[in-house]
Amino acid sequence: MKRLLRLVFLLLLAYPVAVLALGAAYIAIPPVSTLMVGRWLTLQGVERSWVPLTSIPASLPAAAMASEDARFCLHGGVDWKALGEVLEDAEDGGPSRGASTIPMQVAKNLFLWPGRSYIRKAMELPIALYLDLIWSKQRMMEVYLNVAEWGDGVFGAEAAARRHFRKSAADLTRREAALLVAALPNPIRRDPGKPSRFMNAQAGRILARIAHTPTQCLRAGAQRG
């Protein structure tokens, strides 16, 4: 029993150390997600070609912010205002909704597991705050767009563009970028290359929101947010 407790203690200690070390290392090297690791361990294929943010049209990160995290340039990893509103809605018995920022999604993709869990959500918060502290906003978006899942075994904007539109991510149109983002909530069932009426409507809403979404933190020479 003592050995088991000691092992559990060591694992609990090793995990945050690994997050700190890998988070720092991922400033310079391309990260891999837990979903990718899981597929490799089960001998399943992974499609992913890492591309720098400069090789991705501005419409794709703008669409991602408009849909997933409109205050991306303004918060420090966690949107406390949105999180507070979600908690208030939950207390009042209102409809369930998320307050997951792009840094929180990156934290989940790199260090945690998919699926809904209060434990996982609580773990996302400090990891997202840490990553946002040590990474630039450009790096955060670059990682997000290179690890996001866009189909069975398809990860990142480059692989997604080639799978769904038969072109490089650099050649995506604004509409195609919006369709890719519209698929993110359910990338296994939603096909950006063969969009449903709902996806087309959602893409239109995303394009309309872009004009009202701050994106200055992704411009060349922008200061860390």
C-alpha atoms as a PDB file:
ATOM      1  CA  MET A   1       0.000   0.000   0.000  1.00  0.00           C
ATOM      2  CA  LYS A   2       2.832   2.383   0.849  1.00  0.00           C
ATOM      3  CA  ARG A   3       4.484   1.654  -2.492  1.00  0.00           C
ATOM      4  CA  LEU A   4       1.233   2.396  -4.291  1.00  0.00           C
ATOM      5  CA  LEU A   5       0.810   5.678  -2.434  1.00  0.00           C
ATOM      6  CA  ARG A   6       4.406   6.598  -3.180  1.00  0.00           C
ATOM      7  CA  LEU A   7       3.856   5.854  -6.883  1.00  0.00           C
ATOM      8  CA  VAL A   8       0.692   7.962  -6.948  1.00  0.00           C
ATOM      9  CA  PHE A   9       2.532  10.804  -5.211  1.00  0.00           C
ATOM     10  CA  LEU A  10       5.399  10.650  -7.713  1.00  0.00           C
ATOM     11  CA  LEU A  11       2.969  10.676 -10.638  1.00  0.00           C
ATOM     12  CA  LEU A  12       1.119  13.659  -9.198  1.00  0.00           C
ATOM     13  CA  LEU A  13       4.435  15.442  -8.780  1.00  0.00           C
ATOM     14  CA  ALA A  14       5.755  14.476 -12.213  1.00  0.00           C
ATOM     15  CA  TYR A  15       2.694  15.721 -14.109  1.00  0.00           C
ATOM     16  CA  PRO A  16       2.997  19.464 -13.341  1.00  0.00           C
ATOM     17  CA  VAL A  17       6.766  19.260 -13.859  1.00  0.00           C
ATOM     18  CA  ALA A  18       6.154  17.735 -17.295  1.00  0.00           C
ATOM     19  CA  VAL A  19       3.609  20.436 -18.165  1.00  0.00           C
ATOM     20  CA  LEU A  20       6.040  23.188 -17.148  1.00  0.00           C
ATOM     21  CA  ALA A  21       8.915  21.640 -19.098  1.00  0.00           C
ATOM     22  CA  LEU A  22       6.941  20.798 -22.226  1.00  0.00           C
ATOM     23  CA  GLY A  23       5.173  24.165 -22.216  1.00  0.00           C
ATOM     24  CA  ALA A  24       8.571  25.879 -22.260  1.00  0.00           C
ATOM     25  CA  ALA A  25       9.932  23.507 -24.911  1.00  0.00           C
ATOM     26  CA  TYR A  26       6.884  24.073 -27.126  1.00  0.00           C
ATOM     27  CA  ILE A  27       7.845  27.713 -27.490  1.00  0.00           C
ATOM     28  CA  ALA A  28      10.324  26.540 -30.115  1.00  0.00           C
ATOM     29  CA  ILE A  29       9.356  23.007 -31.211  1.00  0.00           C
ATOM     30  CA  PRO A  30       6.116  21.756 -32.793  1.00  0.00           C
ATOM     31  CA  PRO A  31       3.926  20.126 -30.114  1.00  0.00           C
ATOM     32  CA  VAL A  32       1.808  17.012 -30.501  1.00  0.00           C
ATOM     33  CA  SER A  33      -1.620  16.514 -28.978  1.00  0.00           C
ATOM     34  CA  THR A  34      -2.754  13.749 -26.655  1.00  0.00           C
ATOM     35  CA  LEU A  35      -5.127  12.579 -29.402  1.00  0.00           C
ATOM     36  CA  MET A  36      -2.187  12.160 -31.789  1.00  0.00           C
ATOM     37  CA  VAL A  37      -0.230  10.228 -29.165  1.00  0.00           C
ATOM     38  CA  GLY A  38      -3.252   8.021 -28.538  1.00  0.00           C
ATOM     39  CA  ARG A  39      -3.575   7.224 -32.234  1.00  0.00           C
ATOM     40  CA  TRP A  40       0.119   6.385 -32.551  1.00  0.00           C
ATOM     41  CA  LEU A  41      -0.062   4.106 -29.510  1.00  0.00           C
ATOM     42  CA  THR A  42      -3.009   2.249 -31.064  1.00  0.00           C
ATOM     43  CA  LEU A  43      -1.263   2.049 -34.459  1.00  0.00           C
ATOM     44  CA  GLN A  44      -3.680   4.454 -36.160  1.00  0.00           C
ATOM     45  CA  GLY A  45      -2.617   6.957 -38.762  1.00  0.00           C
ATOM     46  CA  VAL A  46      -2.121  10.676 -38.188  1.00  0.00           C
ATOM     47  CA  GLU A  47      -2.254  13.309 -40.937  1.00  0.00           C
ATOM     48  CA  ARG A  48      -0.483  16.516 -39.899  1.00  0.00           C
ATOM     49  CA  SER A  49       1.910  18.888 -41.637  1.00  0.00           C
ATOM     50  CA  TRP A  50       3.085  21.690 -39.371  1.00  0.00           C
ATOM     51  CA  VAL A  51       2.963  25.127 -41.011  1.00  0.00           C
ATOM     52  CA  PRO A  52       3.911  28.487 -39.468  1.00  0.00           C
ATOM     53  CA  LEU A  53       1.205  31.053 -38.802  1.00  0.00           C
ATOM     54  CA  THR A  54       2.660  33.182 -41.601  1.00  0.00           C
ATOM     55  CA  SER A  55       1.689  30.429 -44.068  1.00  0.00           C
ATOM     56  CA  ILE A  56      -1.945  30.478 -42.951  1.00  0.00           C
ATOM     57  CA  PRO A  57      -4.283  33.149 -44.353  1.00  0.00           C
ATOM     58  CA  ALA A  58      -5.380  35.729 -41.776  1.00  0.00           C
ATOM     59  CA  SER A  59      -9.000  34.745 -42.366  1.00  0.00           C
ATOM     60  CA  LEU A  60      -8.545  31.396 -40.575  1.00  0.00           C
ATOM     61  CA  PRO A  61      -7.304  32.678 -37.174  1.00  0.00           C
ATOM     62  CA  ALA A  62      -9.797  35.541 -37.454  1.00  0.00           C
ATOM     63  CA  ALA A  63     -12.619  33.044 -38.018  1.00  0.00           C
ATOM     64  CA  ALA A  64     -11.380  30.916 -35.108  1.00  0.00           C
ATOM     65  CA  MET A  65     -11.453  33.913 -32.777  1.00  0.00           C
ATOM     66  CA  ALA A  66     -14.849  35.078 -34.040  1.00  0.00           C
ATOM     67  CA  SER A  67     -16.342  31.654 -33.382  1.00  0.00           C
ATOM     68  CA  GLU A  68     -14.388  30.229 -30.448  1.00  0.00           C
ATOM     69  CA  ASP A  69     -12.844  33.096 -28.475  1.00  0.00           C
ATOM     70  CA  ALA A  70     -13.799  36.661 -29.423  1.00  0.00           C
ATOM     71  CA  ARG A  71     -11.730  38.092 -26.522  1.00  0.00           C
ATOM     72  CA  PHE A  72      -8.583  36.128 -27.414  1.00  0.00           C
ATOM     73  CA  CYS A  73      -6.522  39.319 -27.773  1.00  0.00           C
ATOM     74  CA  LEU A  74      -7.865  40.775 -24.538  1.00  0.00           C
ATOM     75  CA  HIS A  75      -7.613  38.054 -21.884  1.00  0.00           C
ATOM     76  CA  GLY A  76      -4.654  36.273 -20.316  1.00  0.00           C
ATOM     77  CA  GLY A  77      -5.638  32.719 -21.152  1.00  0.00           C
ATOM     78  CA  VAL A  78      -8.958  32.531 -19.307  1.00  0.00           C
ATOM     79  CA  ASP A  79     -11.955  34.752 -20.035  1.00  0.00           C
ATOM     80  CA  TRP A  80     -13.051  35.288 -16.436  1.00  0.00           C
ATOM     81  CA  LYS A  81     -16.049  37.382 -17.477  1.00  0.00           C
ATOM     82  CA  ALA A  82     -17.442  34.635 -19.710  1.00  0.00           C
ATOM     83  CA  LEU A  83     -16.631  32.005 -17.091  1.00  0.00           C
ATOM     84  CA  GLY A  84     -18.503  33.975 -14.446  1.00  0.00           C
ATOM     85  CA  GLU A  85     -21.532  34.271 -16.715  1.00  0.00           C
ATOM     86  CA  VAL A  86     -21.509  30.512 -17.291  1.00  0.00           C
ATOM     87  CA  LEU A  87     -21.379  29.831 -13.558  1.00  0.00           C
ATOM     88  CA  GLU A  88     -24.268  32.248 -12.958  1.00  0.00           C
ATOM     89  CA  ASP A  89     -26.341  30.533 -15.654  1.00  0.00           C
ATOM     90  CA  ALA A  90     -25.609  27.147 -14.090  1.00  0.00           C
ATOM     91  CA  GLU A  91     -26.736  28.377 -10.665  1.00  0.00           C
ATOM     92  CA  ASP A  92     -29.960  29.754 -12.178  1.00  0.00           C
ATOM     93  CA  GLY A  93     -30.633  26.497 -14.012  1.00  0.00           C
ATOM     94  CA  GLY A  94     -30.041  28.072 -17.394  1.00  0.00           C
ATOM     95  CA  PRO A  95     -28.916  26.209 -20.535  1.00  0.00           C
ATOM     96  CA  SER A  96     -25.471  24.628 -20.496  1.00  0.00           C
ATOM     97  CA  ARG A  97     -22.824  26.514 -22.469  1.00  0.00           C
ATOM     98  CA  GLY A  98     -19.056  26.688 -22.527  1.00  0.00           C
ATOM     99  CA  ALA A  99     -16.544  29.429 -21.775  1.00  0.00           C
ATOM    100  CA  SER A 100     -13.531  27.648 -23.226  1.00  0.00           C
ATOM    101  CA  THR A 101     -10.919  30.023 -24.624  1.00  0.00           C
ATOM    102  CA  ILE A 102      -8.420  29.101 -27.322  1.00  0.00           C
ATOM    103  CA  PRO A 103      -5.619  28.772 -24.682  1.00  0.00           C
ATOM    104  CA  MET A 104      -7.889  26.456 -22.682  1.00  0.00           C
ATOM    105  CA  GLN A 105      -8.506  24.342 -25.782  1.00  0.00           C
ATOM    106  CA  VAL A 106      -4.765  24.222 -26.453  1.00  0.00           C
ATOM    107  CA  ALA A 107      -4.180  23.139 -22.831  1.00  0.00           C
ATOM    108  CA  LYS A 108      -6.726  20.345 -23.289  1.00  0.00           C
ATOM    109  CA  ASN A 109      -5.325  19.255 -26.640  1.00  0.00           C
ATOM    110  CA  LEU A 110      -1.708  19.105 -25.454  1.00  0.00           C
ATOM    111  CA  PHE A 111      -1.940  17.931 -21.850  1.00  0.00           C
ATOM    112  CA  LEU A 112      -5.406  16.587 -21.030  1.00  0.00           C
ATOM    113  CA  TRP A 113      -8.133  14.364 -22.462  1.00  0.00           C
ATOM    114  CA  PRO A 114     -11.301  14.913 -24.542  1.00  0.00           C
ATOM    115  CA  GLY A 115     -14.811  14.706 -23.164  1.00  0.00           C
ATOM    116  CA  ARG A 116     -16.678  16.717 -20.568  1.00  0.00           C
ATOM    117  CA  SER A 117     -15.371  16.635 -17.030  1.00  0.00           C
ATOM    118  CA  TYR A 118     -15.309  19.198 -14.227  1.00  0.00           C
ATOM    119  CA  ILE A 119     -11.922  17.829 -13.163  1.00  0.00           C
ATOM    120  CA  ARG A 120     -10.476  18.323 -16.623  1.00  0.00           C
ATOM    121  CA  LYS A 121     -11.999  21.801 -16.892  1.00  0.00           C
ATOM    122  CA  ALA A 122     -10.433  22.772 -13.564  1.00  0.00           C
ATOM    123  CA  MET A 123      -7.051  21.498 -14.759  1.00  0.00           C
ATOM    124  CA  GLU A 124      -7.353  23.495 -17.991  1.00  0.00           C
ATOM    125  CA  LEU A 125      -7.387  26.818 -16.152  1.00  0.00           C
ATOM    126  CA  PRO A 126      -3.864  26.904 -14.640  1.00  0.00           C
ATOM    127  CA  ILE A 127      -2.331  25.303 -17.744  1.00  0.00           C
ATOM    128  CA  ALA A 128      -3.994  27.881 -20.014  1.00  0.00           C
ATOM    129  CA  LEU A 129      -2.806  30.720 -17.775  1.00  0.00           C
ATOM    130  CA  TYR A 130       0.745  29.331 -17.814  1.00  0.00           C
ATOM    131  CA  LEU A 131       0.864  28.869 -21.588  1.00  0.00           C
ATOM    132  CA  ASP A 132      -0.552  32.340 -22.215  1.00  0.00           C
ATOM    133  CA  LEU A 133       2.069  33.771 -19.857  1.00  0.00           C
ATOM    134  CA  ILE A 134       5.084  32.250 -21.607  1.00  0.00           C
ATOM    135  CA  TRP A 135       3.849  32.120 -25.232  1.00  0.00           C
ATOM    136  CA  SER A 136       3.046  34.999 -27.536  1.00  0.00           C
ATOM    137  CA  LYS A 137      -0.504  35.256 -28.864  1.00  0.00           C
ATOM    138  CA  GLN A 138       0.886  34.429 -32.305  1.00  0.00           C
ATOM    139  CA  ARG A 139       2.462  31.227 -30.987  1.00  0.00           C
ATOM    140  CA  MET A 140      -0.753  30.271 -29.189  1.00  0.00           C
ATOM    141  CA  MET A 141      -2.782  30.621 -32.371  1.00  0.00           C
ATOM    142  CA  GLU A 142      -0.109  28.833 -34.414  1.00  0.00           C
ATOM    143  CA  VAL A 143      -0.203  25.845 -32.080  1.00  0.00           C
ATOM    144  CA  TYR A 144      -3.999  25.851 -31.935  1.00  0.00           C
ATOM    145  CA  LEU A 145      -4.361  25.756 -35.720  1.00  0.00           C
ATOM    146  CA  ASN A 146      -1.731  23.008 -36.022  1.00  0.00           C
ATOM    147  CA  VAL A 147      -3.140  20.612 -33.407  1.00  0.00           C
ATOM    148  CA  ALA A 148      -6.894  21.067 -33.843  1.00  0.00           C
ATOM    149  CA  GLU A 149      -8.675  17.955 -35.099  1.00  0.00           C
ATOM    150  CA  TRP A 150     -10.453  18.321 -38.457  1.00  0.00           C
ATOM    151  CA  GLY A 151     -11.542  14.764 -39.209  1.00  0.00           C
ATOM    152  CA  ASP A 152     -10.641  11.213 -38.294  1.00  0.00           C
ATOM    153  CA  GLY A 153      -6.854  11.323 -37.901  1.00  0.00           C
ATOM    154  CA  VAL A 154      -6.641  14.776 -39.532  1.00  0.00           C
ATOM    155  CA  PHE A 155      -4.852  17.385 -37.417  1.00  0.00           C
ATOM    156  CA  GLY A 156      -3.985  20.966 -38.208  1.00  0.00           C
ATOM    157  CA  ALA A 157      -4.978  23.473 -40.861  1.00  0.00           C
ATOM    158  CA  GLU A 158      -2.626  22.192 -43.562  1.00  0.00           C
ATOM    159  CA  ALA A 159      -3.840  18.578 -43.407  1.00  0.00           C
ATOM    160  CA  ALA A 160      -7.443  19.800 -43.134  1.00  0.00           C
ATOM    161  CA  ALA A 161      -7.150  22.056 -46.180  1.00  0.00           C
ATOM    162  CA  ARG A 162      -5.637  19.248 -48.240  1.00  0.00           C
ATOM    163  CA  ARG A 163      -8.198  16.670 -47.060  1.00  0.00           C
ATOM    164  CA  HIS A 164     -11.323  18.799 -47.469  1.00  0.00           C
ATOM    165  CA  PHE A 165     -10.423  21.303 -50.221  1.00  0.00           C
ATOM    166  CA  ARG A 166      -7.499  19.661 -52.064  1.00  0.00           C
ATOM    167  CA  LYS A 167      -5.286  22.695 -51.579  1.00  0.00           C
ATOM    168  CA  SER A 168      -2.708  24.125 -49.194  1.00  0.00           C
ATOM    169  CA  ALA A 169      -3.860  26.083 -46.153  1.00  0.00           C
ATOM    170  CA  ALA A 170      -2.150  29.143 -47.653  1.00  0.00           C
ATOM    171  CA  ASP A 171      -4.676  29.070 -50.525  1.00  0.00           C
ATOM    172  CA  LEU A 172      -7.857  28.854 -48.447  1.00  0.00           C
ATOM    173  CA  THR A 173     -10.582  31.373 -49.266  1.00  0.00           C
ATOM    174  CA  ARG A 174     -12.379  33.283 -46.505  1.00  0.00           C
ATOM    175  CA  ARG A 175     -15.434  31.052 -46.981  1.00  0.00           C
ATOM    176  CA  GLU A 176     -13.365  27.863 -46.744  1.00  0.00           C
ATOM    177  CA  ALA A 177     -11.661  29.154 -43.600  1.00  0.00           C
ATOM    178  CA  ALA A 178     -15.059  29.843 -42.027  1.00  0.00           C
ATOM    179  CA  LEU A 179     -16.290  26.364 -42.990  1.00  0.00           C
ATOM    180  CA  LEU A 180     -13.261  24.769 -41.332  1.00  0.00           C
ATOM    181  CA  VAL A 181     -14.010  26.656 -38.123  1.00  0.00           C
ATOM    182  CA  ALA A 182     -17.711  25.766 -38.362  1.00  0.00           C
ATOM    183  CA  ALA A 183     -16.670  22.101 -38.278  1.00  0.00           C
ATOM    184  CA  LEU A 184     -14.587  22.372 -35.090  1.00  0.00           C
ATOM    185  CA  PRO A 185     -17.313  21.601 -32.518  1.00  0.00           C
ATOM    186  CA  ASN A 186     -17.827  18.187 -34.150  1.00  0.00           C
ATOM    187  CA  PRO A 187     -14.997  17.583 -36.652  1.00  0.00           C
ATOM    188  CA  ILE A 188     -15.724  13.862 -37.056  1.00  0.00           C
ATOM    189  CA  ARG A 189     -19.312  14.336 -38.228  1.00  0.00           C
ATOM    190  CA  ARG A 190     -19.016  17.708 -39.951  1.00  0.00           C
ATOM    191  CA  ASP A 191     -17.315  17.799 -43.345  1.00  0.00           C
ATOM    192  CA  PRO A 192     -16.177  21.296 -44.418  1.00  0.00           C
ATOM    193  CA  GLY A 193     -15.743  20.047 -47.984  1.00  0.00           C
ATOM    194  CA  LYS A 194     -19.384  18.915 -48.111  1.00  0.00           C
ATOM    195  CA  PRO A 195     -21.093  21.381 -45.803  1.00  0.00           C
ATOM    196  CA  SER A 196     -24.660  20.967 -44.647  1.00  0.00           C
ATOM    197  CA  ARG A 197     -27.133  23.839 -44.742  1.00  0.00           C
ATOM    198  CA  PHE A 198     -26.425  24.415 -41.044  1.00  0.00           C
ATOM    199  CA  MET A 199     -22.656  24.592 -41.646  1.00  0.00           C
ATOM    200  CA  ASN A 200     -23.104  27.065 -44.497  1.00  0.00           C
ATOM    201  CA  ALA A 201     -25.274  29.247 -42.284  1.00  0.00           C
ATOM    202  CA  GLN A 202     -22.786  28.996 -39.424  1.00  0.00           C
ATOM    203  CA  ALA A 203     -19.918  29.944 -41.754  1.00  0.00           C
ATOM    204  CA  GLY A 204     -21.877  33.017 -42.809  1.00  0.00           C
ATOM    205  CA  ARG A 205     -22.385  34.021 -39.175  1.00  0.00           C
ATOM    206  CA  ILE A 206     -18.673  33.549 -38.466  1.00  0.00           C
ATOM    207  CA  LEU A 207     -17.698  35.760 -41.403  1.00  0.00           C
ATOM    208  CA  ALA A 208     -20.083  38.462 -40.171  1.00  0.00           C
ATOM    209  CA  ARG A 209     -18.582  38.356 -36.650  1.00  0.00           C
ATOM    210  CA  ILE A 210     -14.990  38.790 -37.856  1.00  0.00           C
ATOM    211  CA  ALA A 211     -15.469  42.534 -38.390  1.00  0.00           C
ATOM    212  CA  HIS A 212     -16.325  42.914 -34.688  1.00  0.00           C
ATOM    213  CA  THR A 213     -13.560  40.651 -33.319  1.00  0.00           C
ATOM    214  CA  PRO A 214     -10.267  42.235 -32.160  1.00  0.00           C
ATOM    215  CA  THR A 215      -7.375  40.588 -34.022  1.00  0.00           C
ATOM    216  CA  GLN A 216      -4.591  43.132 -33.461  1.00  0.00           C
ATOM    217  CA  CYS A 217      -2.558  40.763 -31.260  1.00  0.00           C
ATOM    218  CA  LEU A 218      -1.810  38.565 -34.283  1.00  0.00           C
ATOM    219  CA  ARG A 219      -0.318  41.334 -36.390  1.00  0.00           C
ATOM    220  CA  ALA A 220       3.428  41.401 -36.999  1.00  0.00           C
ATOM    221  CA  GLY A 221       5.225  43.180 -34.190  1.00  0.00           C
ATOM    222  CA  ALA A 222       2.240  43.022 -31.815  1.00  0.00           C
ATOM    223  CA  GLN A 223       3.067  42.980 -28.122  1.00  0.00           C
ATOM    224  CA  ARG A 224       2.208  40.020 -25.917  1.00  0.00           C
ATOM    225  CA  GLY A 225      -1.311  40.197 -24.516  1.00  0.00           C
END
